[in-house]
């Protein structure tokens, strides 16, 4: 078995175990779980946009338990201070020295619940952590544990009293996703599954955090043909040239899409990437990084519709990419 094939087998097997474990708790969200796996393998952050009660917190907890990771939940509110998130240096009378007391941000999986309810000052405290995997307090830098993934939630409907995330912070999220409402059959399964107690209580790890880090390194074995890489770049550049956008996809978006399609291919058991992988992940990776101009918004158009136009205009590679 070739190195790339062996890598794919390891990644696909771990992804299958994590997916099956999460779906013992989360019903009818297979595509969303696969997107979480794409982010997890890339040590990337996720923005969960959905109305209350759709299972965002449950999904985050199930993910953390499935990989045996440290999990912290931060409820973002307008009075939350940056020090409440990253931690503080305090004077210890016992030792006679200043000591670092870590905040809830120091964990493998951090659920930033209703992140848009915090003030911009507190939101900005996450920027360094999300990009550099470090926090700096009183001039002293502290490394965050590995893996480190932020799962941030926000309600797309209730916007009163919220502070929209700045473009610089949105650009740090690898993917944006929504769980959505379950089907009638899935909702009935949820009612039955949770009628006595939560299956989350009995969930055991199926992959450990160190194994996950090693699996992420294997993604480099997934072949991405030059025509596919060029297709990724062409899509992102096309958004910068489209008249409907004030802000197109950044080079960080090109890199994020490139990394995401490798993970998707590996999860599906392939050691090569197809053009369809790019098209399927273009929306979750790119849409939150795009800003429509005022004229386009006044016409009632939304980002995903314009992005569909962009995807339709960029030629799809037809070369043999296997």
C-alpha atoms as a PDB file:
ATOM      1  CA  UNK A   1       0.000   0.000   0.000  1.00  0.00           C
ATOM      2  CA  UNK A   2       1.380   3.426  -0.984  1.00  0.00           C
ATOM      3  CA  UNK A   3       2.032   6.123   1.604  1.00  0.00           C
ATOM      4  CA  UNK A   4      -0.880   8.202   0.350  1.00  0.00           C
ATOM      5  CA  UNK A   5      -3.265   5.244   0.375  1.00  0.00           C
ATOM      6  CA  UNK A   6      -2.159   4.318   3.896  1.00  0.00           C
ATOM      7  CA  UNK A   7      -2.715   7.904   5.038  1.00  0.00           C
ATOM      8  CA  UNK A   8      -6.211   7.928   3.552  1.00  0.00           C
ATOM      9  CA  UNK A   9      -7.121   4.673   5.309  1.00  0.00           C
ATOM     10  CA  UNK A  10      -6.029   6.082   8.673  1.00  0.00           C
ATOM     11  CA  UNK A  11      -7.872   9.387   8.190  1.00  0.00           C
ATOM     12  CA  UNK A  12     -11.042   7.779   6.852  1.00  0.00           C
ATOM     13  CA  UNK A  13     -11.139   5.240   9.681  1.00  0.00           C
ATOM     14  CA  UNK A  14     -10.722   7.918  12.365  1.00  0.00           C
ATOM     15  CA  UNK A  15     -13.317  10.140  10.679  1.00  0.00           C
ATOM     16  CA  UNK A  16     -15.774   7.240  10.521  1.00  0.00           C
ATOM     17  CA  UNK A  17     -15.342   6.505  14.234  1.00  0.00           C
ATOM     18  CA  UNK A  18     -15.792  10.154  15.196  1.00  0.00           C
ATOM     19  CA  UNK A  19     -18.815  10.554  12.905  1.00  0.00           C
ATOM     20  CA  UNK A  20     -20.526   7.427  14.246  1.00  0.00           C
ATOM     21  CA  UNK A  21     -19.869   8.529  17.794  1.00  0.00           C
ATOM     22  CA  UNK A  22     -21.276  12.030  17.261  1.00  0.00           C
ATOM     23  CA  UNK A  23     -24.346  10.701  15.447  1.00  0.00           C
ATOM     24  CA  UNK A  24     -25.213   8.667  18.549  1.00  0.00           C
ATOM     25  CA  UNK A  25     -26.140  12.074  19.976  1.00  0.00           C
ATOM     26  CA  UNK A  26     -26.742  14.384  17.007  1.00  0.00           C
ATOM     27  CA  UNK A  27     -29.469  13.234  14.631  1.00  0.00           C
ATOM     28  CA  UNK A  28     -29.787  14.106  10.946  1.00  0.00           C
ATOM     29  CA  UNK A  29     -26.731  16.346  10.615  1.00  0.00           C
ATOM     30  CA  UNK A  30     -24.323  14.152   8.646  1.00  0.00           C
ATOM     31  CA  UNK A  31     -23.148  16.936   6.311  1.00  0.00           C
ATOM     32  CA  UNK A  32     -22.591  19.285   9.231  1.00  0.00           C
ATOM     33  CA  UNK A  33     -20.590  16.638  11.078  1.00  0.00           C
ATOM     34  CA  UNK A  34     -18.413  16.083   8.003  1.00  0.00           C
ATOM     35  CA  UNK A  35     -17.721  19.822   7.864  1.00  0.00           C
ATOM     36  CA  UNK A  36     -16.704  19.691  11.522  1.00  0.00           C
ATOM     37  CA  UNK A  37     -14.322  16.856  10.665  1.00  0.00           C
ATOM     38  CA  UNK A  38     -12.840  18.909   7.812  1.00  0.00           C
ATOM     39  CA  UNK A  39     -12.176  21.737  10.257  1.00  0.00           C
ATOM     40  CA  UNK A  40     -10.895  19.425  12.968  1.00  0.00           C
ATOM     41  CA  UNK A  41      -8.320  17.754  10.706  1.00  0.00           C
ATOM     42  CA  UNK A  42      -7.052  21.196   9.722  1.00  0.00           C
ATOM     43  CA  UNK A  43      -7.105  22.547  13.291  1.00  0.00           C
ATOM     44  CA  UNK A  44      -9.478  25.169  11.893  1.00  0.00           C
ATOM     45  CA  UNK A  45     -12.208  27.214  13.531  1.00  0.00           C
ATOM     46  CA  UNK A  46     -15.944  26.929  12.848  1.00  0.00           C
ATOM     47  CA  UNK A  47     -18.716  29.532  12.849  1.00  0.00           C
ATOM     48  CA  UNK A  48     -22.090  27.950  13.636  1.00  0.00           C
ATOM     49  CA  UNK A  49     -24.972  30.178  12.564  1.00  0.00           C
ATOM     50  CA  UNK A  50     -28.349  28.885  13.628  1.00  0.00           C
ATOM     51  CA  UNK A  51     -31.427  29.645  15.676  1.00  0.00           C
ATOM     52  CA  UNK A  52     -31.576  28.463  19.317  1.00  0.00           C
ATOM     53  CA  UNK A  53     -32.448  24.853  20.042  1.00  0.00           C
ATOM     54  CA  UNK A  54     -30.958  23.198  16.954  1.00  0.00           C
ATOM     55  CA  UNK A  55     -28.208  21.380  18.837  1.00  0.00           C
ATOM     56  CA  UNK A  56     -25.142  23.603  18.472  1.00  0.00           C
ATOM     57  CA  UNK A  57     -23.910  23.165  22.041  1.00  0.00           C
ATOM     58  CA  UNK A  58     -24.723  19.450  22.048  1.00  0.00           C
ATOM     59  CA  UNK A  59     -22.790  18.977  18.817  1.00  0.00           C
ATOM     60  CA  UNK A  60     -19.763  20.818  20.213  1.00  0.00           C
ATOM     61  CA  UNK A  61     -19.785  18.719  23.389  1.00  0.00           C
ATOM     62  CA  UNK A  62     -20.180  15.485  21.415  1.00  0.00           C
ATOM     63  CA  UNK A  63     -17.224  16.439  19.230  1.00  0.00           C
ATOM     64  CA  UNK A  64     -15.031  17.221  22.236  1.00  0.00           C
ATOM     65  CA  UNK A  65     -15.937  13.958  23.988  1.00  0.00           C
ATOM     66  CA  UNK A  66     -15.339  11.944  20.827  1.00  0.00           C
ATOM     67  CA  UNK A  67     -11.699  13.038  20.707  1.00  0.00           C
ATOM     68  CA  UNK A  68     -11.119  13.086  24.472  1.00  0.00           C
ATOM     69  CA  UNK A  69     -10.424  16.821  24.356  1.00  0.00           C
ATOM     70  CA  UNK A  70     -10.579  19.497  27.022  1.00  0.00           C
ATOM     71  CA  UNK A  71     -13.790  21.468  26.480  1.00  0.00           C
ATOM     72  CA  UNK A  72     -14.795  24.893  27.735  1.00  0.00           C
ATOM     73  CA  UNK A  73     -17.919  26.905  27.010  1.00  0.00           C
ATOM     74  CA  UNK A  74     -17.841  30.707  27.155  1.00  0.00           C
ATOM     75  CA  UNK A  75     -21.181  32.518  27.234  1.00  0.00           C
ATOM     76  CA  UNK A  76     -20.499  35.819  25.506  1.00  0.00           C
ATOM     77  CA  UNK A  77     -22.365  38.802  26.961  1.00  0.00           C
ATOM     78  CA  UNK A  78     -21.918  42.591  26.642  1.00  0.00           C
ATOM     79  CA  UNK A  79     -20.255  42.805  30.071  1.00  0.00           C
ATOM     80  CA  UNK A  80     -17.687  40.074  29.352  1.00  0.00           C
ATOM     81  CA  UNK A  81     -14.128  41.439  29.584  1.00  0.00           C
ATOM     82  CA  UNK A  82     -11.087  40.199  27.591  1.00  0.00           C
ATOM     83  CA  UNK A  83      -9.484  39.009  30.836  1.00  0.00           C
ATOM     84  CA  UNK A  84     -12.563  36.842  31.453  1.00  0.00           C
ATOM     85  CA  UNK A  85     -11.683  34.989  28.262  1.00  0.00           C
ATOM     86  CA  UNK A  86      -7.880  34.777  28.085  1.00  0.00           C
ATOM     87  CA  UNK A  87      -6.994  34.864  31.804  1.00  0.00           C
ATOM     88  CA  UNK A  88      -5.110  37.187  34.148  1.00  0.00           C
ATOM     89  CA  UNK A  89      -1.868  37.597  36.055  1.00  0.00           C
ATOM     90  CA  UNK A  90      -2.635  37.848  39.773  1.00  0.00           C
ATOM     91  CA  UNK A  91      -0.452  38.428  42.821  1.00  0.00           C
ATOM     92  CA  UNK A  92      -0.187  35.314  44.967  1.00  0.00           C
ATOM     93  CA  UNK A  93       0.332  36.112  48.628  1.00  0.00           C
ATOM     94  CA  UNK A  94       1.464  32.530  49.152  1.00  0.00           C
ATOM     95  CA  UNK A  95       4.367  32.666  46.688  1.00  0.00           C
ATOM     96  CA  UNK A  96       4.896  36.428  46.773  1.00  0.00           C
ATOM     97  CA  UNK A  97       4.930  36.509  42.962  1.00  0.00           C
ATOM     98  CA  UNK A  98       2.549  37.161  40.104  1.00  0.00           C
ATOM     99  CA  UNK A  99       1.039  33.967  38.714  1.00  0.00           C
ATOM    100  CA  UNK A 100      -0.908  33.293  35.534  1.00  0.00           C
ATOM    101  CA  UNK A 101      -4.488  32.128  35.947  1.00  0.00           C
ATOM    102  CA  UNK A 102      -5.653  30.832  32.554  1.00  0.00           C
ATOM    103  CA  UNK A 103      -9.085  31.756  31.270  1.00  0.00           C
ATOM    104  CA  UNK A 104     -11.592  29.387  29.649  1.00  0.00           C
ATOM    105  CA  UNK A 105      -9.930  29.977  26.276  1.00  0.00           C
ATOM    106  CA  UNK A 106      -7.209  27.533  27.338  1.00  0.00           C
ATOM    107  CA  UNK A 107      -8.763  24.280  26.088  1.00  0.00           C
ATOM    108  CA  UNK A 108      -8.739  22.064  23.011  1.00  0.00           C
ATOM    109  CA  UNK A 109     -12.345  22.783  22.006  1.00  0.00           C
ATOM    110  CA  UNK A 110     -13.778  26.169  22.980  1.00  0.00           C
ATOM    111  CA  UNK A 111     -17.455  26.901  22.425  1.00  0.00           C
ATOM    112  CA  UNK A 112     -17.806  30.669  22.065  1.00  0.00           C
ATOM    113  CA  UNK A 113     -21.558  30.848  22.545  1.00  0.00           C
ATOM    114  CA  UNK A 114     -23.342  33.859  20.975  1.00  0.00           C
ATOM    115  CA  UNK A 115     -20.007  35.456  20.159  1.00  0.00           C
ATOM    116  CA  UNK A 116     -21.658  38.482  18.558  1.00  0.00           C
ATOM    117  CA  UNK A 117     -23.139  39.552  21.928  1.00  0.00           C
ATOM    118  CA  UNK A 118     -19.697  40.513  23.255  1.00  0.00           C
ATOM    119  CA  UNK A 119     -18.219  43.966  22.645  1.00  0.00           C
ATOM    120  CA  UNK A 120     -15.628  44.388  19.872  1.00  0.00           C
ATOM    121  CA  UNK A 121     -12.918  44.709  22.538  1.00  0.00           C
ATOM    122  CA  UNK A 122     -13.687  41.254  23.895  1.00  0.00           C
ATOM    123  CA  UNK A 123     -14.150  39.777  20.425  1.00  0.00           C
ATOM    124  CA  UNK A 124     -10.691  41.054  19.480  1.00  0.00           C
ATOM    125  CA  UNK A 125      -9.200  39.076  22.373  1.00  0.00           C
ATOM    126  CA  UNK A 126      -9.852  35.988  20.266  1.00  0.00           C
ATOM    127  CA  UNK A 127      -7.963  37.221  17.192  1.00  0.00           C
ATOM    128  CA  UNK A 128      -4.471  36.358  18.393  1.00  0.00           C
ATOM    129  CA  UNK A 129      -5.646  33.046  19.816  1.00  0.00           C
ATOM    130  CA  UNK A 130      -7.401  31.988  16.614  1.00  0.00           C
ATOM    131  CA  UNK A 131      -4.526  32.920  14.302  1.00  0.00           C
ATOM    132  CA  UNK A 132      -1.356  32.430  16.345  1.00  0.00           C
ATOM    133  CA  UNK A 133      -2.608  29.836  18.878  1.00  0.00           C
ATOM    134  CA  UNK A 134      -1.182  32.045  21.625  1.00  0.00           C
ATOM    135  CA  UNK A 135      -2.381  34.630  24.138  1.00  0.00           C
ATOM    136  CA  UNK A 136      -0.381  37.593  25.353  1.00  0.00           C
ATOM    137  CA  UNK A 137      -1.025  38.965  28.846  1.00  0.00           C
ATOM    138  CA  UNK A 138       1.066  41.782  30.335  1.00  0.00           C
ATOM    139  CA  UNK A 139       3.673  41.253  27.637  1.00  0.00           C
ATOM    140  CA  UNK A 140       4.026  37.529  28.334  1.00  0.00           C
ATOM    141  CA  UNK A 141       3.019  35.066  25.616  1.00  0.00           C
ATOM    142  CA  UNK A 142       1.347  31.758  26.479  1.00  0.00           C
ATOM    143  CA  UNK A 143       0.907  28.944  23.978  1.00  0.00           C
ATOM    144  CA  UNK A 144      -2.511  27.331  23.691  1.00  0.00           C
ATOM    145  CA  UNK A 145      -2.918  23.545  23.737  1.00  0.00           C
ATOM    146  CA  UNK A 146      -3.028  21.484  20.564  1.00  0.00           C
ATOM    147  CA  UNK A 147      -5.381  20.950  18.944  1.00  0.00           C
ATOM    148  CA  UNK A 148      -7.092  24.295  19.517  1.00  0.00           C
ATOM    149  CA  UNK A 149     -10.434  24.821  17.783  1.00  0.00           C
ATOM    150  CA  UNK A 150     -12.959  27.595  18.391  1.00  0.00           C
ATOM    151  CA  UNK A 151     -16.595  26.739  17.676  1.00  0.00           C
ATOM    152  CA  UNK A 152     -18.378  30.086  17.712  1.00  0.00           C
ATOM    153  CA  UNK A 153     -22.162  30.386  17.544  1.00  0.00           C
ATOM    154  CA  UNK A 154     -24.418  33.246  16.624  1.00  0.00           C
ATOM    155  CA  UNK A 155     -28.136  33.640  16.008  1.00  0.00           C
ATOM    156  CA  UNK A 156     -28.727  34.975  12.464  1.00  0.00           C
ATOM    157  CA  UNK A 157     -32.261  36.150  13.340  1.00  0.00           C
ATOM    158  CA  UNK A 158     -32.060  37.980  16.660  1.00  0.00           C
ATOM    159  CA  UNK A 159     -29.629  40.849  16.060  1.00  0.00           C
ATOM    160  CA  UNK A 160     -30.780  43.378  18.669  1.00  0.00           C
ATOM    161  CA  UNK A 161     -28.016  44.156  21.144  1.00  0.00           C
ATOM    162  CA  UNK A 162     -25.341  42.367  19.118  1.00  0.00           C
ATOM    163  CA  UNK A 163     -21.999  43.481  17.701  1.00  0.00           C
ATOM    164  CA  UNK A 164     -21.388  42.071  14.193  1.00  0.00           C
ATOM    165  CA  UNK A 165     -18.080  40.254  13.839  1.00  0.00           C
ATOM    166  CA  UNK A 166     -15.495  42.302  11.906  1.00  0.00           C
ATOM    167  CA  UNK A 167     -14.249  40.980   8.570  1.00  0.00           C
ATOM    168  CA  UNK A 168     -10.793  40.330  10.051  1.00  0.00           C
ATOM    169  CA  UNK A 169     -12.298  37.924  12.569  1.00  0.00           C
ATOM    170  CA  UNK A 170     -14.674  36.244  10.137  1.00  0.00           C
ATOM    171  CA  UNK A 171     -11.666  35.539   7.930  1.00  0.00           C
ATOM    172  CA  UNK A 172     -10.170  33.429  10.752  1.00  0.00           C
ATOM    173  CA  UNK A 173     -12.966  30.866  10.571  1.00  0.00           C
ATOM    174  CA  UNK A 174     -12.163  27.985   8.250  1.00  0.00           C
ATOM    175  CA  UNK A 175     -15.838  27.220   7.632  1.00  0.00           C
ATOM    176  CA  UNK A 176     -19.264  28.606   8.395  1.00  0.00           C
ATOM    177  CA  UNK A 177     -22.098  26.143   8.748  1.00  0.00           C
ATOM    178  CA  UNK A 178     -25.646  25.631   9.960  1.00  0.00           C
ATOM    179  CA  UNK A 179     -27.278  22.561  11.468  1.00  0.00           C
ATOM    180  CA  UNK A 180     -30.771  23.609  10.427  1.00  0.00           C
ATOM    181  CA  UNK A 181     -34.039  22.090  11.551  1.00  0.00           C
ATOM    182  CA  UNK A 182     -34.243  18.283  11.421  1.00  0.00           C
ATOM    183  CA  UNK A 183     -36.711  16.420   9.258  1.00  0.00           C
ATOM    184  CA  UNK A 184     -39.896  15.102  10.864  1.00  0.00           C
ATOM    185  CA  UNK A 185     -38.423  11.602  11.142  1.00  0.00           C
ATOM    186  CA  UNK A 186     -35.174  12.909  12.636  1.00  0.00           C
ATOM    187  CA  UNK A 187     -37.039  15.129  15.100  1.00  0.00           C
ATOM    188  CA  UNK A 188     -39.054  12.140  16.298  1.00  0.00           C
ATOM    189  CA  UNK A 189     -35.776  10.220  16.723  1.00  0.00           C
ATOM    190  CA  UNK A 190     -34.415  13.111  18.814  1.00  0.00           C
ATOM    191  CA  UNK A 191     -37.456  13.046  21.081  1.00  0.00           C
ATOM    192  CA  UNK A 192     -37.109   9.295  21.617  1.00  0.00           C
ATOM    193  CA  UNK A 193     -33.344   9.379  22.038  1.00  0.00           C
ATOM    194  CA  UNK A 194     -33.452  12.080  24.713  1.00  0.00           C
ATOM    195  CA  UNK A 195     -36.683  11.079  26.474  1.00  0.00           C
ATOM    196  CA  UNK A 196     -34.975   9.489  29.504  1.00  0.00           C
ATOM    197  CA  UNK A 197     -31.454  10.924  29.558  1.00  0.00           C
ATOM    198  CA  UNK A 198     -28.942  12.459  27.193  1.00  0.00           C
ATOM    199  CA  UNK A 199     -26.830   9.935  25.235  1.00  0.00           C
ATOM    200  CA  UNK A 200     -24.054  12.488  25.652  1.00  0.00           C
ATOM    201  CA  UNK A 201     -23.628  11.266  29.236  1.00  0.00           C
ATOM    202  CA  UNK A 202     -22.339   7.873  28.055  1.00  0.00           C
ATOM    203  CA  UNK A 203     -20.237   9.073  25.116  1.00  0.00           C
ATOM    204  CA  UNK A 204     -16.643   7.834  25.217  1.00  0.00           C
ATOM    205  CA  UNK A 205     -13.600   9.020  23.195  1.00  0.00           C
ATOM    206  CA  UNK A 206     -12.861   7.120  19.992  1.00  0.00           C
ATOM    207  CA  UNK A 207      -9.761   9.118  18.981  1.00  0.00           C
ATOM    208  CA  UNK A 208      -7.320  10.951  21.218  1.00  0.00           C
ATOM    209  CA  UNK A 209      -6.142  14.499  20.627  1.00  0.00           C
ATOM    210  CA  UNK A 210      -2.525  13.571  19.850  1.00  0.00           C
ATOM    211  CA  UNK A 211      -3.704  11.043  17.243  1.00  0.00           C
ATOM    212  CA  UNK A 212      -5.815  13.767  15.660  1.00  0.00           C
ATOM    213  CA  UNK A 213      -2.780  16.053  15.328  1.00  0.00           C
ATOM    214  CA  UNK A 214      -0.850  13.257  13.605  1.00  0.00           C
ATOM    215  CA  UNK A 215      -3.761  12.606  11.228  1.00  0.00           C
ATOM    216  CA  UNK A 216      -3.830  16.267  10.247  1.00  0.00           C
ATOM    217  CA  UNK A 217      -0.194  16.035   9.194  1.00  0.00           C
ATOM    218  CA  UNK A 218      -1.089  13.179   6.830  1.00  0.00           C
ATOM    219  CA  UNK A 219      -3.259  15.493   4.706  1.00  0.00           C
ATOM    220  CA  UNK A 220      -0.134  16.556   2.818  1.00  0.00           C
ATOM    221  CA  UNK A 221      -0.206  13.104   1.174  1.00  0.00           C
ATOM    222  CA  UNK A 222      -3.509  13.936  -0.564  1.00  0.00           C
ATOM    223  CA  UNK A 223      -2.784  14.805  -4.185  1.00  0.00           C
ATOM    224  CA  UNK A 224      -4.052  18.152  -5.446  1.00  0.00           C
ATOM    225  CA  UNK A 225      -3.374  18.524  -9.152  1.00  0.00           C
ATOM    226  CA  UNK A 226      -2.105  21.863 -10.442  1.00  0.00           C
ATOM    227  CA  UNK A 227      -5.352  22.395 -12.361  1.00  0.00           C
ATOM    228  CA  UNK A 228      -7.356  21.957  -9.140  1.00  0.00           C
ATOM    229  CA  UNK A 229      -5.103  24.366  -7.223  1.00  0.00           C
ATOM    230  CA  UNK A 230      -5.486  26.873 -10.066  1.00  0.00           C
ATOM    231  CA  UNK A 231      -9.264  26.385  -9.927  1.00  0.00           C
ATOM    232  CA  UNK A 232      -9.264  27.228  -6.208  1.00  0.00           C
ATOM    233  CA  UNK A 233      -7.274  30.400  -6.810  1.00  0.00           C
ATOM    234  CA  UNK A 234      -9.418  31.375  -9.818  1.00  0.00           C
ATOM    235  CA  UNK A 235     -12.626  31.108  -7.765  1.00  0.00           C
ATOM    236  CA  UNK A 236     -11.280  33.321  -5.000  1.00  0.00           C
ATOM    237  CA  UNK A 237      -9.864  35.891  -7.419  1.00  0.00           C
ATOM    238  CA  UNK A 238     -13.168  35.993  -9.304  1.00  0.00           C
ATOM    239  CA  UNK A 239     -14.974  37.175  -6.162  1.00  0.00           C
ATOM    240  CA  UNK A 240     -12.573  40.150  -5.923  1.00  0.00           C
ATOM    241  CA  UNK A 241     -13.433  41.163  -9.479  1.00  0.00           C
ATOM    242  CA  UNK A 242     -17.210  40.707  -9.206  1.00  0.00           C
ATOM    243  CA  UNK A 243     -19.126  43.988  -9.177  1.00  0.00           C
ATOM    244  CA  UNK A 244     -21.509  42.806  -6.441  1.00  0.00           C
ATOM    245  CA  UNK A 245     -18.789  42.526  -3.807  1.00  0.00           C
ATOM    246  CA  UNK A 246     -17.128  45.290  -1.853  1.00  0.00           C
ATOM    247  CA  UNK A 247     -14.801  42.680  -0.378  1.00  0.00           C
ATOM    248  CA  UNK A 248     -13.820  39.457  -2.110  1.00  0.00           C
ATOM    249  CA  UNK A 249     -12.147  36.329  -0.792  1.00  0.00           C
ATOM    250  CA  UNK A 250      -8.668  36.883   0.623  1.00  0.00           C
ATOM    251  CA  UNK A 251      -5.566  34.776  -0.052  1.00  0.00           C
ATOM    252  CA  UNK A 252      -6.292  33.225   3.356  1.00  0.00           C
ATOM    253  CA  UNK A 253      -9.561  32.009   1.817  1.00  0.00           C
ATOM    254  CA  UNK A 254      -7.654  30.366  -1.064  1.00  0.00           C
ATOM    255  CA  UNK A 255      -5.442  28.541   1.417  1.00  0.00           C
ATOM    256  CA  UNK A 256      -8.437  27.567   3.565  1.00  0.00           C
ATOM    257  CA  UNK A 257     -10.286  26.123   0.566  1.00  0.00           C
ATOM    258  CA  UNK A 258      -7.168  24.242  -0.531  1.00  0.00           C
ATOM    259  CA  UNK A 259      -6.772  22.674   2.918  1.00  0.00           C
ATOM    260  CA  UNK A 260     -10.466  21.901   3.250  1.00  0.00           C
ATOM    261  CA  UNK A 261     -10.735  19.990  -0.033  1.00  0.00           C
ATOM    262  CA  UNK A 262      -7.799  17.757   0.935  1.00  0.00           C
ATOM    263  CA  UNK A 263      -9.534  16.841   4.188  1.00  0.00           C
ATOM    264  CA  UNK A 264     -12.838  16.193   2.397  1.00  0.00           C
ATOM    265  CA  UNK A 265     -11.166  13.853  -0.091  1.00  0.00           C
ATOM    266  CA  UNK A 266      -9.426  11.914   2.691  1.00  0.00           C
ATOM    267  CA  UNK A 267     -12.625  11.602   4.738  1.00  0.00           C
ATOM    268  CA  UNK A 268     -14.331  10.117   1.675  1.00  0.00           C
ATOM    269  CA  UNK A 269     -11.487   7.641   1.152  1.00  0.00           C
ATOM    270  CA  UNK A 270      -9.694   9.288  -1.768  1.00  0.00           C
ATOM    271  CA  UNK A 271      -6.035  10.262  -2.055  1.00  0.00           C
ATOM    272  CA  UNK A 272      -6.843  12.850  -4.727  1.00  0.00           C
ATOM    273  CA  UNK A 273      -9.108  15.899  -4.972  1.00  0.00           C
ATOM    274  CA  UNK A 274     -11.870  16.361  -7.552  1.00  0.00           C
ATOM    275  CA  UNK A 275     -13.333  19.634  -8.914  1.00  0.00           C
ATOM    276  CA  UNK A 276     -16.627  18.728  -7.213  1.00  0.00           C
ATOM    277  CA  UNK A 277     -14.866  18.931  -3.835  1.00  0.00           C
ATOM    278  CA  UNK A 278     -14.009  22.557  -4.559  1.00  0.00           C
ATOM    279  CA  UNK A 279     -17.561  23.396  -5.632  1.00  0.00           C
ATOM    280  CA  UNK A 280     -19.115  21.693  -2.597  1.00  0.00           C
ATOM    281  CA  UNK A 281     -16.876  23.458  -0.083  1.00  0.00           C
ATOM    282  CA  UNK A 282     -16.820  26.871  -1.770  1.00  0.00           C
ATOM    283  CA  UNK A 283     -19.872  28.102   0.158  1.00  0.00           C
ATOM    284  CA  UNK A 284     -18.944  27.000   3.700  1.00  0.00           C
ATOM    285  CA  UNK A 285     -15.347  28.208   3.246  1.00  0.00           C
ATOM    286  CA  UNK A 286     -15.891  31.439   1.296  1.00  0.00           C
ATOM    287  CA  UNK A 287     -19.345  32.935   1.891  1.00  0.00           C
ATOM    288  CA  UNK A 288     -18.645  34.437   5.335  1.00  0.00           C
ATOM    289  CA  UNK A 289     -15.538  36.159   3.962  1.00  0.00           C
ATOM    290  CA  UNK A 290     -17.447  38.075   1.273  1.00  0.00           C
ATOM    291  CA  UNK A 291     -19.086  41.490   1.694  1.00  0.00           C
ATOM    292  CA  UNK A 292     -21.829  42.602  -0.686  1.00  0.00           C
ATOM    293  CA  UNK A 293     -21.960  46.245  -1.715  1.00  0.00           C
ATOM    294  CA  UNK A 294     -24.909  48.391  -0.692  1.00  0.00           C
ATOM    295  CA  UNK A 295     -26.520  48.382  -4.157  1.00  0.00           C
ATOM    296  CA  UNK A 296     -26.584  44.593  -4.257  1.00  0.00           C
ATOM    297  CA  UNK A 297     -28.047  44.379  -0.752  1.00  0.00           C
ATOM    298  CA  UNK A 298     -30.764  46.901  -1.629  1.00  0.00           C
ATOM    299  CA  UNK A 299     -31.773  44.673  -4.501  1.00  0.00           C
ATOM    300  CA  UNK A 300     -32.427  41.918  -1.975  1.00  0.00           C
ATOM    301  CA  UNK A 301     -29.640  39.651  -3.119  1.00  0.00           C
ATOM    302  CA  UNK A 302     -27.683  37.468  -0.706  1.00  0.00           C
ATOM    303  CA  UNK A 303     -24.066  36.384  -0.684  1.00  0.00           C
ATOM    304  CA  UNK A 304     -24.708  32.726  -1.510  1.00  0.00           C
ATOM    305  CA  UNK A 305     -26.659  33.614  -4.666  1.00  0.00           C
ATOM    306  CA  UNK A 306     -23.878  35.821  -5.990  1.00  0.00           C
ATOM    307  CA  UNK A 307     -21.285  33.200  -5.093  1.00  0.00           C
ATOM    308  CA  UNK A 308     -23.269  30.671  -7.141  1.00  0.00           C
ATOM    309  CA  UNK A 309     -22.919  33.068 -10.081  1.00  0.00           C
ATOM    310  CA  UNK A 310     -19.176  33.235  -9.581  1.00  0.00           C
ATOM    311  CA  UNK A 311     -18.878  29.440  -9.417  1.00  0.00           C
ATOM    312  CA  UNK A 312     -20.916  29.148 -12.611  1.00  0.00           C
ATOM    313  CA  UNK A 313     -18.642  31.546 -14.518  1.00  0.00           C
ATOM    314  CA  UNK A 314     -15.263  30.046 -13.580  1.00  0.00           C
ATOM    315  CA  UNK A 315     -14.330  27.168 -15.949  1.00  0.00           C
ATOM    316  CA  UNK A 316     -14.198  23.771 -14.244  1.00  0.00           C
ATOM    317  CA  UNK A 317     -11.023  21.712 -14.856  1.00  0.00           C
ATOM    318  CA  UNK A 318     -11.614  18.709 -17.101  1.00  0.00           C
ATOM    319  CA  UNK A 319      -8.122  17.178 -17.079  1.00  0.00           C
ATOM    320  CA  UNK A 320      -7.519  13.709 -15.661  1.00  0.00           C
ATOM    321  CA  UNK A 321      -6.722  14.568 -12.054  1.00  0.00           C
ATOM    322  CA  UNK A 322      -6.322  11.013 -10.693  1.00  0.00           C
END
